[in-house]
Amino acid sequence: MTHEICQVFPDECLTVAFHPSGLHLVVAMKDKIIVCNVLSNSISSFKLLPGKLCNEIRFSNGGHLFACVSAEKMIHVYNFYTLDCSERMQFTGHSGRVMSIDWFANDMGFTTCG
């Protein structure tokens, strides 16, 4: 329960998700998603991903995937190790804003709530 590292970003952060290992961090800004490494005394960004108005990010239980909700209705699932998001890993269908994502225990899928 102590504060050990602080990182200030130039833009407003909309949402943040820690990797299950605690060694990585995904931060959503208004116009991009930043993937960071958590080091012993700092946080360093290593990849910028496209993503507008991402309001929810959730890692899978194993940490190999993470889901991002962009533009309040579209869900993109990224492979954490390659940072790829193929066409078949983009989901639509919510008529309203996606409020929450929850991965199944075996990481074979997820549920969303709007």
PDB file of N, CA and C in Angstrom:
ATOM      1  N   MET A   1       0.821  -1.193   0.000  1.00  0.00           N
ATOM      2  CA  MET A   1       0.000   0.000   0.000  1.00  0.00           C
ATOM      3  C   MET A   1       0.867   1.260   0.000  1.00  0.00           C
ATOM      4  N   THR A   2       1.912   1.262  -0.838  1.00  0.00           N
ATOM      5  CA  THR A   2       2.752   2.446  -0.964  1.00  0.00           C
ATOM      6  C   THR A   2       2.841   2.858  -2.427  1.00  0.00           C
ATOM      7  N   HIS A   3       3.100   4.115  -2.636  1.00  0.00           N
ATOM      8  CA  HIS A   3       3.256   4.671  -3.975  1.00  0.00           C
ATOM      9  C   HIS A   3       4.725   4.560  -4.350  1.00  0.00           C
ATOM     10  N   GLU A   4       5.031   3.797  -5.416  1.00  0.00           N
ATOM     11  CA  GLU A   4       6.420   3.565  -5.788  1.00  0.00           C
ATOM     12  C   GLU A   4       6.819   4.214  -7.095  1.00  0.00           C
ATOM     13  N   ILE A   5       5.926   4.251  -8.068  1.00  0.00           N
ATOM     14  CA  ILE A   5       6.248   4.806  -9.385  1.00  0.00           C
ATOM     15  C   ILE A   5       5.107   5.725  -9.815  1.00  0.00           C
ATOM     16  N   CYS A   6       5.454   6.818 -10.452  1.00  0.00           N
ATOM     17  CA  CYS A   6       4.452   7.736 -10.989  1.00  0.00           C
ATOM     18  C   CYS A   6       4.834   8.086 -12.423  1.00  0.00           C
ATOM     19  N   GLN A   7       3.864   8.081 -13.299  1.00  0.00           N
ATOM     20  CA  GLN A   7       4.094   8.449 -14.698  1.00  0.00           C
ATOM     21  C   GLN A   7       3.055   9.490 -15.084  1.00  0.00           C
ATOM     22  N   VAL A   8       3.499  10.598 -15.608  1.00  0.00           N
ATOM     23  CA  VAL A   8       2.600  11.655 -16.064  1.00  0.00           C
ATOM     24  C   VAL A   8       2.585  11.620 -17.589  1.00  0.00           C
ATOM     25  N   PHE A   9       1.393  11.526 -18.167  1.00  0.00           N
ATOM     26  CA  PHE A   9       1.235  11.526 -19.619  1.00  0.00           C
ATOM     27  C   PHE A   9       0.774  12.905 -20.059  1.00  0.00           C
ATOM     28  N   PRO A  10       1.164  13.331 -21.262  1.00  0.00           N
ATOM     29  CA  PRO A  10       0.786  14.676 -21.720  1.00  0.00           C
ATOM     30  C   PRO A  10      -0.710  14.827 -21.995  1.00  0.00           C
ATOM     31  N   ASP A  11      -1.386  13.718 -22.311  1.00  0.00           N
ATOM     32  CA  ASP A  11      -2.822  13.767 -22.597  1.00  0.00           C
ATOM     33  C   ASP A  11      -3.603  13.139 -21.453  1.00  0.00           C
ATOM     34  N   GLU A  12      -4.905  13.335 -21.492  1.00  0.00           N
ATOM     35  CA  GLU A  12      -5.790  12.748 -20.482  1.00  0.00           C
ATOM     36  C   GLU A  12      -5.904  11.236 -20.688  1.00  0.00           C
ATOM     37  N   CYS A  13      -5.747  10.470 -19.633  1.00  0.00           N
ATOM     38  CA  CYS A  13      -5.903   9.014 -19.679  1.00  0.00           C
ATOM     39  C   CYS A  13      -7.373   8.673 -19.461  1.00  0.00           C
ATOM     40  N   LEU A  14      -7.943   7.872 -20.360  1.00  0.00           N
ATOM     41  CA  LEU A  14      -9.344   7.489 -20.241  1.00  0.00           C
ATOM     42  C   LEU A  14      -9.519   6.215 -19.425  1.00  0.00           C
ATOM     43  N   THR A  15      -8.605   5.259 -19.601  1.00  0.00           N
ATOM     44  CA  THR A  15      -8.659   4.016 -18.835  1.00  0.00           C
ATOM     45  C   THR A  15      -7.272   3.371 -18.816  1.00  0.00           C
ATOM     46  N   VAL A  16      -7.048   2.512 -17.822  1.00  0.00           N
ATOM     47  CA  VAL A  16      -5.757   1.855 -17.628  1.00  0.00           C
ATOM     48  C   VAL A  16      -6.013   0.405 -17.265  1.00  0.00           C
ATOM     49  N   ALA A  17      -5.147  -0.503 -17.764  1.00  0.00           N
ATOM     50  CA  ALA A  17      -5.246  -1.919 -17.387  1.00  0.00           C
ATOM     51  C   ALA A  17      -3.842  -2.467 -17.157  1.00  0.00           C
ATOM     52  N   PHE A  18      -3.671  -3.182 -16.052  1.00  0.00           N
ATOM     53  CA  PHE A  18      -2.408  -3.849 -15.755  1.00  0.00           C
ATOM     54  C   PHE A  18      -2.453  -5.274 -16.281  1.00  0.00           C
ATOM     55  N   HIS A  19      -1.340  -5.717 -16.850  1.00  0.00           N
ATOM     56  CA  HIS A  19      -1.174  -7.110 -17.260  1.00  0.00           C
ATOM     57  C   HIS A  19      -1.229  -7.976 -15.999  1.00  0.00           C
ATOM     58  N   PRO A  20      -1.735  -9.210 -16.078  1.00  0.00           N
ATOM     59  CA  PRO A  20      -1.799 -10.068 -14.888  1.00  0.00           C
ATOM     60  C   PRO A  20      -0.445 -10.267 -14.192  1.00  0.00           C
ATOM     61  N   SER A  21       0.663 -10.171 -14.926  1.00  0.00           N
ATOM     62  CA  SER A  21       1.984 -10.305 -14.310  1.00  0.00           C
ATOM     63  C   SER A  21       2.377  -9.060 -13.522  1.00  0.00           C
ATOM     64  N   GLY A  22       1.724  -7.930 -13.812  1.00  0.00           N
ATOM     65  CA  GLY A  22       2.063  -6.673 -13.170  1.00  0.00           C
ATOM     66  C   GLY A  22       3.249  -5.965 -13.812  1.00  0.00           C
ATOM     67  N   LEU A  23       3.809  -6.536 -14.870  1.00  0.00           N
ATOM     68  CA  LEU A  23       4.995  -5.968 -15.505  1.00  0.00           C
ATOM     69  C   LEU A  23       4.692  -5.120 -16.731  1.00  0.00           C
ATOM     70  N   HIS A  24       3.430  -5.061 -17.120  1.00  0.00           N
ATOM     71  CA  HIS A  24       3.044  -4.292 -18.297  1.00  0.00           C
ATOM     72  C   HIS A  24       1.778  -3.506 -17.989  1.00  0.00           C
ATOM     73  N   LEU A  25       1.552  -2.479 -18.782  1.00  0.00           N
ATOM     74  CA  LEU A  25       0.444  -1.564 -18.563  1.00  0.00           C
ATOM     75  C   LEU A  25      -0.078  -1.114 -19.922  1.00  0.00           C
ATOM     76  N   VAL A  26      -1.388  -1.029 -20.078  1.00  0.00           N
ATOM     77  CA  VAL A  26      -1.994  -0.482 -21.295  1.00  0.00           C
ATOM     78  C   VAL A  26      -2.810   0.736 -20.879  1.00  0.00           C
ATOM     79  N   VAL A  27      -2.526   1.865 -21.525  1.00  0.00           N
ATOM     80  CA  VAL A  27      -3.169   3.135 -21.188  1.00  0.00           C
ATOM     81  C   VAL A  27      -3.881   3.657 -22.423  1.00  0.00           C
ATOM     82  N   ALA A  28      -5.128   4.052 -22.280  1.00  0.00           N
ATOM     83  CA  ALA A  28      -5.904   4.603 -23.394  1.00  0.00           C
ATOM     84  C   ALA A  28      -6.006   6.119 -23.259  1.00  0.00           C
ATOM     85  N   MET A  29      -5.667   6.789 -24.351  1.00  0.00           N
ATOM     86  CA  MET A  29      -5.832   8.242 -24.465  1.00  0.00           C
ATOM     87  C   MET A  29      -7.000   8.490 -25.421  1.00  0.00           C
ATOM     88  N   LYS A  30      -7.293   9.748 -25.710  1.00  0.00           N
ATOM     89  CA  LYS A  30      -8.408  10.056 -26.604  1.00  0.00           C
ATOM     90  C   LYS A  30      -8.193   9.545 -28.023  1.00  0.00           C
ATOM     91  N   ASP A  31      -6.939   9.543 -28.494  1.00  0.00           N
ATOM     92  CA  ASP A  31      -6.687   9.189 -29.887  1.00  0.00           C
ATOM     93  C   ASP A  31      -5.700   8.041 -30.074  1.00  0.00           C
ATOM     94  N   LYS A  32      -5.234   7.411 -29.001  1.00  0.00           N
ATOM     95  CA  LYS A  32      -4.267   6.320 -29.115  1.00  0.00           C
ATOM     96  C   LYS A  32      -4.286   5.448 -27.870  1.00  0.00           C
ATOM     97  N   ILE A  33      -3.654   4.274 -28.014  1.00  0.00           N
ATOM     98  CA  ILE A  33      -3.479   3.340 -26.901  1.00  0.00           C
ATOM     99  C   ILE A  33      -1.978   3.139 -26.739  1.00  0.00           C
ATOM    100  N   ILE A  34      -1.477   3.288 -25.530  1.00  0.00           N
ATOM    101  CA  ILE A  34      -0.053   3.167 -25.260  1.00  0.00           C
ATOM    102  C   ILE A  34       0.190   1.895 -24.460  1.00  0.00           C
ATOM    103  N   VAL A  35       1.114   1.054 -24.947  1.00  0.00           N
ATOM    104  CA  VAL A  35       1.515  -0.158 -24.232  1.00  0.00           C
ATOM    105  C   VAL A  35       2.846   0.145 -23.557  1.00  0.00           C
ATOM    106  N   CYS A  36       2.926  -0.098 -22.247  1.00  0.00           N
ATOM    107  CA  CYS A  36       4.094   0.281 -21.462  1.00  0.00           C
ATOM    108  C   CYS A  36       4.667  -0.911 -20.708  1.00  0.00           C
ATOM    109  N   ASN A  37       5.954  -0.810 -20.405  1.00  0.00           N
ATOM    110  CA  ASN A  37       6.624  -1.747 -19.503  1.00  0.00           C
ATOM    111  C   ASN A  37       6.739  -1.081 -18.145  1.00  0.00           C
ATOM    112  N   VAL A  38       6.478  -1.823 -17.084  1.00  0.00           N
ATOM    113  CA  VAL A  38       6.660  -1.324 -15.734  1.00  0.00           C
ATOM    114  C   VAL A  38       8.020  -1.824 -15.269  1.00  0.00           C
ATOM    115  N   LEU A  39       8.953  -0.903 -15.100  1.00  0.00           N
ATOM    116  CA  LEU A  39      10.308  -1.239 -14.686  1.00  0.00           C
ATOM    117  C   LEU A  39      10.469  -1.005 -13.186  1.00  0.00           C
ATOM    118  N   SER A  40      11.633  -1.247 -12.656  1.00  0.00           N
ATOM    119  CA  SER A  40      11.825  -1.143 -11.208  1.00  0.00           C
ATOM    120  C   SER A  40      11.664   0.280 -10.690  1.00  0.00           C
ATOM    121  N   ASN A  41      12.013   1.279 -11.517  1.00  0.00           N
ATOM    122  CA  ASN A  41      11.897   2.653 -11.033  1.00  0.00           C
ATOM    123  C   ASN A  41      11.228   3.596 -12.029  1.00  0.00           C
ATOM    124  N   SER A  42      10.635   3.046 -13.101  1.00  0.00           N
ATOM    125  CA  SER A  42       9.968   3.902 -14.082  1.00  0.00           C
ATOM    126  C   SER A  42       8.988   3.096 -14.918  1.00  0.00           C
ATOM    127  N   ILE A  43       8.222   3.808 -15.707  1.00  0.00           N
ATOM    128  CA  ILE A  43       7.296   3.206 -16.670  1.00  0.00           C
ATOM    129  C   ILE A  43       7.693   3.727 -18.038  1.00  0.00           C
ATOM    130  N   SER A  44       7.989   2.815 -18.963  1.00  0.00           N
ATOM    131  CA  SER A  44       8.414   3.252 -20.294  1.00  0.00           C
ATOM    132  C   SER A  44       7.454   2.712 -21.350  1.00  0.00           C
ATOM    133  N   SER A  45       7.043   3.581 -22.259  1.00  0.00           N
ATOM    134  CA  SER A  45       6.150   3.147 -23.331  1.00  0.00           C
ATOM    135  C   SER A  45       6.974   2.518 -24.437  1.00  0.00           C
ATOM    136  N   PHE A  46       6.430   1.441 -25.047  1.00  0.00           N
ATOM    137  CA  PHE A  46       7.170   0.807 -26.121  1.00  0.00           C
ATOM    138  C   PHE A  46       6.357   0.623 -27.385  1.00  0.00           C
ATOM    139  N   LYS A  47       5.059   0.902 -27.364  1.00  0.00           N
ATOM    140  CA  LYS A  47       4.257   0.748 -28.578  1.00  0.00           C
ATOM    141  C   LYS A  47       3.039   1.655 -28.503  1.00  0.00           C
ATOM    142  N   LEU A  48       2.726   2.294 -29.626  1.00  0.00           N
ATOM    143  CA  LEU A  48       1.503   3.084 -29.761  1.00  0.00           C
ATOM    144  C   LEU A  48       0.572   2.346 -30.705  1.00  0.00           C
ATOM    145  N   LEU A  49      -0.666   2.187 -30.305  1.00  0.00           N
ATOM    146  CA  LEU A  49      -1.679   1.524 -31.128  1.00  0.00           C
ATOM    147  C   LEU A  49      -2.767   2.527 -31.471  1.00  0.00           C
ATOM    148  N   PRO A  50      -3.400   2.375 -32.637  1.00  0.00           N
ATOM    149  CA  PRO A  50      -4.513   3.274 -32.958  1.00  0.00           C
ATOM    150  C   PRO A  50      -5.734   2.907 -32.117  1.00  0.00           C
ATOM    151  N   GLY A  51      -6.473   3.895 -31.744  1.00  0.00           N
ATOM    152  CA  GLY A  51      -7.701   3.661 -30.978  1.00  0.00           C
ATOM    153  C   GLY A  51      -8.278   4.978 -30.535  1.00  0.00           C
ATOM    154  N   LYS A  52      -9.505   5.225 -30.908  1.00  0.00           N
ATOM    155  CA  LYS A  52     -10.137   6.491 -30.555  1.00  0.00           C
ATOM    156  C   LYS A  52     -11.163   6.278 -29.463  1.00  0.00           C
ATOM    157  N   LEU A  53     -11.103   7.131 -28.466  1.00  0.00           N
ATOM    158  CA  LEU A  53     -12.074   7.152 -27.370  1.00  0.00           C
ATOM    159  C   LEU A  53     -12.272   5.774 -26.735  1.00  0.00           C
ATOM    160  N   CYS A  54     -11.194   5.129 -26.379  1.00  0.00           N
ATOM    161  CA  CYS A  54     -11.253   3.817 -25.728  1.00  0.00           C
ATOM    162  C   CYS A  54     -11.639   4.020 -24.270  1.00  0.00           C
ATOM    163  N   ASN A  55     -12.792   3.493 -23.876  1.00  0.00           N
ATOM    164  CA  ASN A  55     -13.275   3.716 -22.516  1.00  0.00           C
ATOM    165  C   ASN A  55     -13.184   2.490 -21.620  1.00  0.00           C
ATOM    166  N   GLU A  56     -12.697   1.358 -22.149  1.00  0.00           N
ATOM    167  CA  GLU A  56     -12.574   0.141 -21.340  1.00  0.00           C
ATOM    168  C   GLU A  56     -11.494  -0.741 -21.943  1.00  0.00           C
ATOM    169  N   ILE A  57     -10.576  -1.232 -21.116  1.00  0.00           N
ATOM    170  CA  ILE A  57      -9.550  -2.191 -21.517  1.00  0.00           C
ATOM    171  C   ILE A  57      -9.543  -3.291 -20.470  1.00  0.00           C
ATOM    172  N   ARG A  58      -9.478  -4.547 -20.943  1.00  0.00           N
ATOM    173  CA  ARG A  58      -9.431  -5.674 -20.001  1.00  0.00           C
ATOM    174  C   ARG A  58      -8.511  -6.752 -20.554  1.00  0.00           C
ATOM    175  N   PHE A  59      -7.541  -7.173 -19.735  1.00  0.00           N
ATOM    176  CA  PHE A  59      -6.669  -8.282 -20.101  1.00  0.00           C
ATOM    177  C   PHE A  59      -7.373  -9.596 -19.863  1.00  0.00           C
ATOM    178  N   SER A  60      -7.047 -10.582 -20.693  1.00  0.00           N
ATOM    179  CA  SER A  60      -7.523 -11.942 -20.430  1.00  0.00           C
ATOM    180  C   SER A  60      -6.809 -12.456 -19.196  1.00  0.00           C
ATOM    181  N   ASN A  61      -7.321 -13.518 -18.610  1.00  0.00           N
ATOM    182  CA  ASN A  61      -6.747 -14.054 -17.374  1.00  0.00           C
ATOM    183  C   ASN A  61      -5.303 -14.512 -17.560  1.00  0.00           C
ATOM    184  N   GLY A  62      -4.984 -15.056 -18.720  1.00  0.00           N
ATOM    185  CA  GLY A  62      -3.622 -15.491 -19.015  1.00  0.00           C
ATOM    186  C   GLY A  62      -2.712 -14.362 -19.457  1.00  0.00           C
ATOM    187  N   GLY A  63      -3.292 -13.238 -19.863  1.00  0.00           N
ATOM    188  CA  GLY A  63      -2.522 -12.079 -20.256  1.00  0.00           C
ATOM    189  C   GLY A  63      -2.089 -12.073 -21.712  1.00  0.00           C
ATOM    190  N   HIS A  64      -2.459 -13.084 -22.483  1.00  0.00           N
ATOM    191  CA  HIS A  64      -2.025 -13.137 -23.882  1.00  0.00           C
ATOM    192  C   HIS A  64      -2.918 -12.314 -24.805  1.00  0.00           C
ATOM    193  N   LEU A  65      -4.080 -11.901 -24.339  1.00  0.00           N
ATOM    194  CA  LEU A  65      -5.001 -11.072 -25.109  1.00  0.00           C
ATOM    195  C   LEU A  65      -5.465  -9.905 -24.255  1.00  0.00           C
ATOM    196  N   PHE A  66      -5.825  -8.811 -24.914  1.00  0.00           N
ATOM    197  CA  PHE A  66      -6.550  -7.756 -24.211  1.00  0.00           C
ATOM    198  C   PHE A  66      -7.592  -7.163 -25.141  1.00  0.00           C
ATOM    199  N   ALA A  67      -8.721  -6.812 -24.569  1.00  0.00           N
ATOM    200  CA  ALA A  67      -9.842  -6.263 -25.321  1.00  0.00           C
ATOM    201  C   ALA A  67      -9.975  -4.775 -25.016  1.00  0.00           C
ATOM    202  N   CYS A  68     -10.188  -3.997 -26.063  1.00  0.00           N
ATOM    203  CA  CYS A  68     -10.364  -2.558 -25.943  1.00  0.00           C
ATOM    204  C   CYS A  68     -11.698  -2.167 -26.569  1.00  0.00           C
ATOM    205  N   VAL A  69     -12.419  -1.308 -25.910  1.00  0.00           N
ATOM    206  CA  VAL A  69     -13.670  -0.779 -26.453  1.00  0.00           C
ATOM    207  C   VAL A  69     -13.371   0.601 -27.005  1.00  0.00           C
ATOM    208  N   SER A  70     -13.514   0.771 -28.319  1.00  0.00           N
ATOM    209  CA  SER A  70     -13.276   2.074 -28.920  1.00  0.00           C
ATOM    210  C   SER A  70     -14.578   2.640 -29.463  1.00  0.00           C
ATOM    211  N   ALA A  71     -14.655   3.943 -29.449  1.00  0.00           N
ATOM    212  CA  ALA A  71     -15.847   4.667 -29.903  1.00  0.00           C
ATOM    213  C   ALA A  71     -17.098   4.164 -29.197  1.00  0.00           C
ATOM    214  N   GLU A  72     -16.954   3.665 -27.990  1.00  0.00           N
ATOM    215  CA  GLU A  72     -18.023   3.235 -27.085  1.00  0.00           C
ATOM    216  C   GLU A  72     -18.786   1.994 -27.517  1.00  0.00           C
ATOM    217  N   LYS A  73     -18.615   1.505 -28.770  1.00  0.00           N
ATOM    218  CA  LYS A  73     -19.418   0.374 -29.231  1.00  0.00           C
ATOM    219  C   LYS A  73     -18.606  -0.737 -29.874  1.00  0.00           C
ATOM    220  N   MET A  74     -17.419  -0.463 -30.382  1.00  0.00           N
ATOM    221  CA  MET A  74     -16.638  -1.461 -31.105  1.00  0.00           C
ATOM    222  C   MET A  74     -15.560  -2.053 -30.199  1.00  0.00           C
ATOM    223  N   ILE A  75     -15.435  -3.383 -30.223  1.00  0.00           N
ATOM    224  CA  ILE A  75     -14.470  -4.078 -29.379  1.00  0.00           C
ATOM    225  C   ILE A  75     -13.368  -4.649 -30.259  1.00  0.00           C
ATOM    226  N   HIS A  76     -12.127  -4.317 -29.931  1.00  0.00           N
ATOM    227  CA  HIS A  76     -10.949  -4.836 -30.620  1.00  0.00           C
ATOM    228  C   HIS A  76     -10.209  -5.730 -29.643  1.00  0.00           C
ATOM    229  N   VAL A  77      -9.855  -6.934 -30.080  1.00  0.00           N
ATOM    230  CA  VAL A  77      -9.081  -7.853 -29.243  1.00  0.00           C
ATOM    231  C   VAL A  77      -7.683  -7.958 -29.846  1.00  0.00           C
ATOM    232  N   TYR A  78      -6.675  -7.584 -29.058  1.00  0.00           N
ATOM    233  CA  TYR A  78      -5.286  -7.596 -29.484  1.00  0.00           C
ATOM    234  C   TYR A  78      -4.555  -8.792 -28.883  1.00  0.00           C
ATOM    235  N   ASN A  79      -3.646  -9.356 -29.659  1.00  0.00           N
ATOM    236  CA  ASN A  79      -2.705 -10.332 -29.143  1.00  0.00           C
ATOM    237  C   ASN A  79      -1.625  -9.526 -28.442  1.00  0.00           C
ATOM    238  N   PHE A  80      -1.401  -9.771 -27.162  1.00  0.00           N
ATOM    239  CA  PHE A  80      -0.464  -8.947 -26.410  1.00  0.00           C
ATOM    240  C   PHE A  80       0.973  -9.114 -26.896  1.00  0.00           C
ATOM    241  N   TYR A  81       1.348 -10.300 -27.329  1.00  0.00           N
ATOM    242  CA  TYR A  81       2.737 -10.560 -27.703  1.00  0.00           C
ATOM    243  C   TYR A  81       3.089  -9.999 -29.077  1.00  0.00           C
ATOM    244  N   THR A  82       2.149  -9.978 -30.021  1.00  0.00           N
ATOM    245  CA  THR A  82       2.414  -9.435 -31.354  1.00  0.00           C
ATOM    246  C   THR A  82       1.778  -8.057 -31.547  1.00  0.00           C
ATOM    247  N   LEU A  83       0.845  -7.689 -30.679  1.00  0.00           N
ATOM    248  CA  LEU A  83       0.080  -6.444 -30.747  1.00  0.00           C
ATOM    249  C   LEU A  83      -0.689  -6.309 -32.057  1.00  0.00           C
ATOM    250  N   ASP A  84      -1.131  -7.451 -32.588  1.00  0.00           N
ATOM    251  CA  ASP A  84      -1.957  -7.485 -33.789  1.00  0.00           C
ATOM    252  C   ASP A  84      -3.428  -7.590 -33.421  1.00  0.00           C
ATOM    253  N   CYS A  85      -4.263  -7.016 -34.270  1.00  0.00           N
ATOM    254  CA  CYS A  85      -5.711  -7.132 -34.143  1.00  0.00           C
ATOM    255  C   CYS A  85      -6.261  -7.387 -35.537  1.00  0.00           C
ATOM    256  N   SER A  86      -6.559  -8.645 -35.824  1.00  0.00           N
ATOM    257  CA  SER A  86      -7.041  -8.991 -37.161  1.00  0.00           C
ATOM    258  C   SER A  86      -8.518  -8.625 -37.305  1.00  0.00           C
ATOM    259  N   GLU A  87      -9.015  -8.691 -38.535  1.00  0.00           N
ATOM    260  CA  GLU A  87     -10.422  -8.379 -38.824  1.00  0.00           C
ATOM    261  C   GLU A  87     -11.377  -9.258 -38.021  1.00  0.00           C
ATOM    262  N   ARG A  88     -11.019 -10.532 -37.841  1.00  0.00           N
ATOM    263  CA  ARG A  88     -11.915 -11.433 -37.123  1.00  0.00           C
ATOM    264  C   ARG A  88     -11.880 -11.214 -35.614  1.00  0.00           C
ATOM    265  N   MET A  89     -11.015 -10.317 -35.158  1.00  0.00           N
ATOM    266  CA  MET A  89     -10.931  -9.999 -33.737  1.00  0.00           C
ATOM    267  C   MET A  89     -11.526  -8.622 -33.435  1.00  0.00           C
ATOM    268  N   GLN A  90     -12.406  -8.150 -34.326  1.00  0.00           N
ATOM    269  CA  GLN A  90     -13.113  -6.892 -34.127  1.00  0.00           C
ATOM    270  C   GLN A  90     -14.606  -7.201 -34.051  1.00  0.00           C
ATOM    271  N   PHE A  91     -15.243  -6.719 -32.997  1.00  0.00           N
ATOM    272  CA  PHE A  91     -16.625  -7.084 -32.732  1.00  0.00           C
ATOM    273  C   PHE A  91     -17.503  -5.841 -32.616  1.00  0.00           C
ATOM    274  N   THR A  92     -18.681  -5.940 -33.228  1.00  0.00           N
ATOM    275  CA  THR A  92     -19.683  -4.887 -33.120  1.00  0.00           C
ATOM    276  C   THR A  92     -20.998  -5.546 -32.725  1.00  0.00           C
ATOM    277  N   GLY A  93     -21.982  -4.760 -32.460  1.00  0.00           N
ATOM    278  CA  GLY A  93     -23.283  -5.329 -32.158  1.00  0.00           C
ATOM    279  C   GLY A  93     -23.993  -4.644 -31.005  1.00  0.00           C
ATOM    280  N   HIS A  94     -23.268  -3.919 -30.180  1.00  0.00           N
ATOM    281  CA  HIS A  94     -23.920  -3.190 -29.100  1.00  0.00           C
ATOM    282  C   HIS A  94     -24.643  -1.982 -29.680  1.00  0.00           C
ATOM    283  N   SER A  95     -25.854  -1.756 -29.223  1.00  0.00           N
ATOM    284  CA  SER A  95     -26.583  -0.580 -29.686  1.00  0.00           C
ATOM    285  C   SER A  95     -26.242   0.645 -28.842  1.00  0.00           C
ATOM    286  N   GLY A  96     -25.738   0.402 -27.645  1.00  0.00           N
ATOM    287  CA  GLY A  96     -25.349   1.492 -26.757  1.00  0.00           C
ATOM    288  C   GLY A  96     -23.900   1.354 -26.349  1.00  0.00           C
ATOM    289  N   ARG A  97     -23.500   2.145 -25.380  1.00  0.00           N
ATOM    290  CA  ARG A  97     -22.122   2.165 -24.899  1.00  0.00           C
ATOM    291  C   ARG A  97     -21.781   0.875 -24.159  1.00  0.00           C
ATOM    292  N   VAL A  98     -20.600   0.295 -24.459  1.00  0.00           N
ATOM    293  CA  VAL A  98     -20.112  -0.876 -23.738  1.00  0.00           C
ATOM    294  C   VAL A  98     -19.519  -0.386 -22.424  1.00  0.00           C
ATOM    295  N   MET A  99     -20.045  -0.889 -21.322  1.00  0.00           N
ATOM    296  CA  MET A  99     -19.630  -0.435 -20.003  1.00  0.00           C
ATOM    297  C   MET A  99     -18.595  -1.340 -19.355  1.00  0.00           C
ATOM    298  N   SER A 100     -18.607  -2.637 -19.711  1.00  0.00           N
ATOM    299  CA  SER A 100     -17.737  -3.577 -19.021  1.00  0.00           C
ATOM    300  C   SER A 100     -17.425  -4.779 -19.903  1.00  0.00           C
ATOM    301  N   ILE A 101     -16.232  -5.341 -19.713  1.00  0.00           N
ATOM    302  CA  ILE A 101     -15.794  -6.563 -20.388  1.00  0.00           C
ATOM    303  C   ILE A 101     -15.345  -7.533 -19.311  1.00  0.00           C
ATOM    304  N   ASP A 102     -15.711  -8.802 -19.459  1.00  0.00           N
ATOM    305  CA  ASP A 102     -15.260  -9.824 -18.521  1.00  0.00           C
ATOM    306  C   ASP A 102     -14.885 -11.076 -19.301  1.00  0.00           C
ATOM    307  N   TRP A 103     -13.666 -11.552 -19.125  1.00  0.00           N
ATOM    308  CA  TRP A 103     -13.181 -12.740 -19.829  1.00  0.00           C
ATOM    309  C   TRP A 103     -13.647 -13.994 -19.118  1.00  0.00           C
ATOM    310  N   PHE A 104     -13.926 -15.062 -19.893  1.00  0.00           N
ATOM    311  CA  PHE A 104     -14.243 -16.367 -19.313  1.00  0.00           C
ATOM    312  C   PHE A 104     -13.011 -16.873 -18.564  1.00  0.00           C
ATOM    313  N   ALA A 105     -13.195 -17.773 -17.629  1.00  0.00           N
ATOM    314  CA  ALA A 105     -12.085 -18.302 -16.829  1.00  0.00           C
ATOM    315  C   ALA A 105     -11.035 -18.997 -17.693  1.00  0.00           C
ATOM    316  N   ASN A 106     -11.458 -19.624 -18.798  1.00  0.00           N
ATOM    317  CA  ASN A 106     -10.507 -20.330 -19.667  1.00  0.00           C
ATOM    318  C   ASN A 106     -10.009 -19.446 -20.821  1.00  0.00           C
ATOM    319  N   ASP A 107     -10.365 -18.174 -20.845  1.00  0.00           N
ATOM    320  CA  ASP A 107      -9.950 -17.206 -21.875  1.00  0.00           C
ATOM    321  C   ASP A 107     -10.425 -17.554 -23.276  1.00  0.00           C
ATOM    322  N   MET A 108     -11.423 -18.403 -23.425  1.00  0.00           N
ATOM    323  CA  MET A 108     -11.928 -18.761 -24.747  1.00  0.00           C
ATOM    324  C   MET A 108     -12.944 -17.757 -25.281  1.00  0.00           C
ATOM    325  N   GLY A 109     -13.296 -16.774 -24.495  1.00  0.00           N
ATOM    326  CA  GLY A 109     -14.250 -15.770 -24.921  1.00  0.00           C
ATOM    327  C   GLY A 109     -14.449 -14.746 -23.830  1.00  0.00           C
ATOM    328  N   PHE A 110     -15.352 -13.827 -24.074  1.00  0.00           N
ATOM    329  CA  PHE A 110     -15.642 -12.794 -23.087  1.00  0.00           C
ATOM    330  C   PHE A 110     -17.092 -12.368 -23.205  1.00  0.00           C
ATOM    331  N   THR A 111     -17.569 -11.713 -22.186  1.00  0.00           N
ATOM    332  CA  THR A 111     -18.898 -11.133 -22.203  1.00  0.00           C
ATOM    333  C   THR A 111     -18.774  -9.619 -22.057  1.00  0.00           C
ATOM    334  N   THR A 112     -19.736  -8.912 -22.580  1.00  0.00           N
ATOM    335  CA  THR A 112     -19.745  -7.462 -22.452  1.00  0.00           C
ATOM    336  C   THR A 112     -21.084  -7.018 -21.897  1.00  0.00           C
ATOM    337  N   CYS A 113     -21.074  -5.861 -21.301  1.00  0.00           N
ATOM    338  CA  CYS A 113     -22.292  -5.309 -20.717  1.00  0.00           C
ATOM    339  C   CYS A 113     -22.421  -3.875 -21.212  1.00  0.00           C
ATOM    340  N   GLY A 114     -23.620  -3.518 -21.612  1.00  0.00           N
ATOM    341  CA  GLY A 114     -23.858  -2.174 -22.113  1.00  0.00           C
ATOM    342  C   GLY A 114     -24.997  -1.522 -21.392  1.00  0.00           C
TER     343      GLY A 114
END
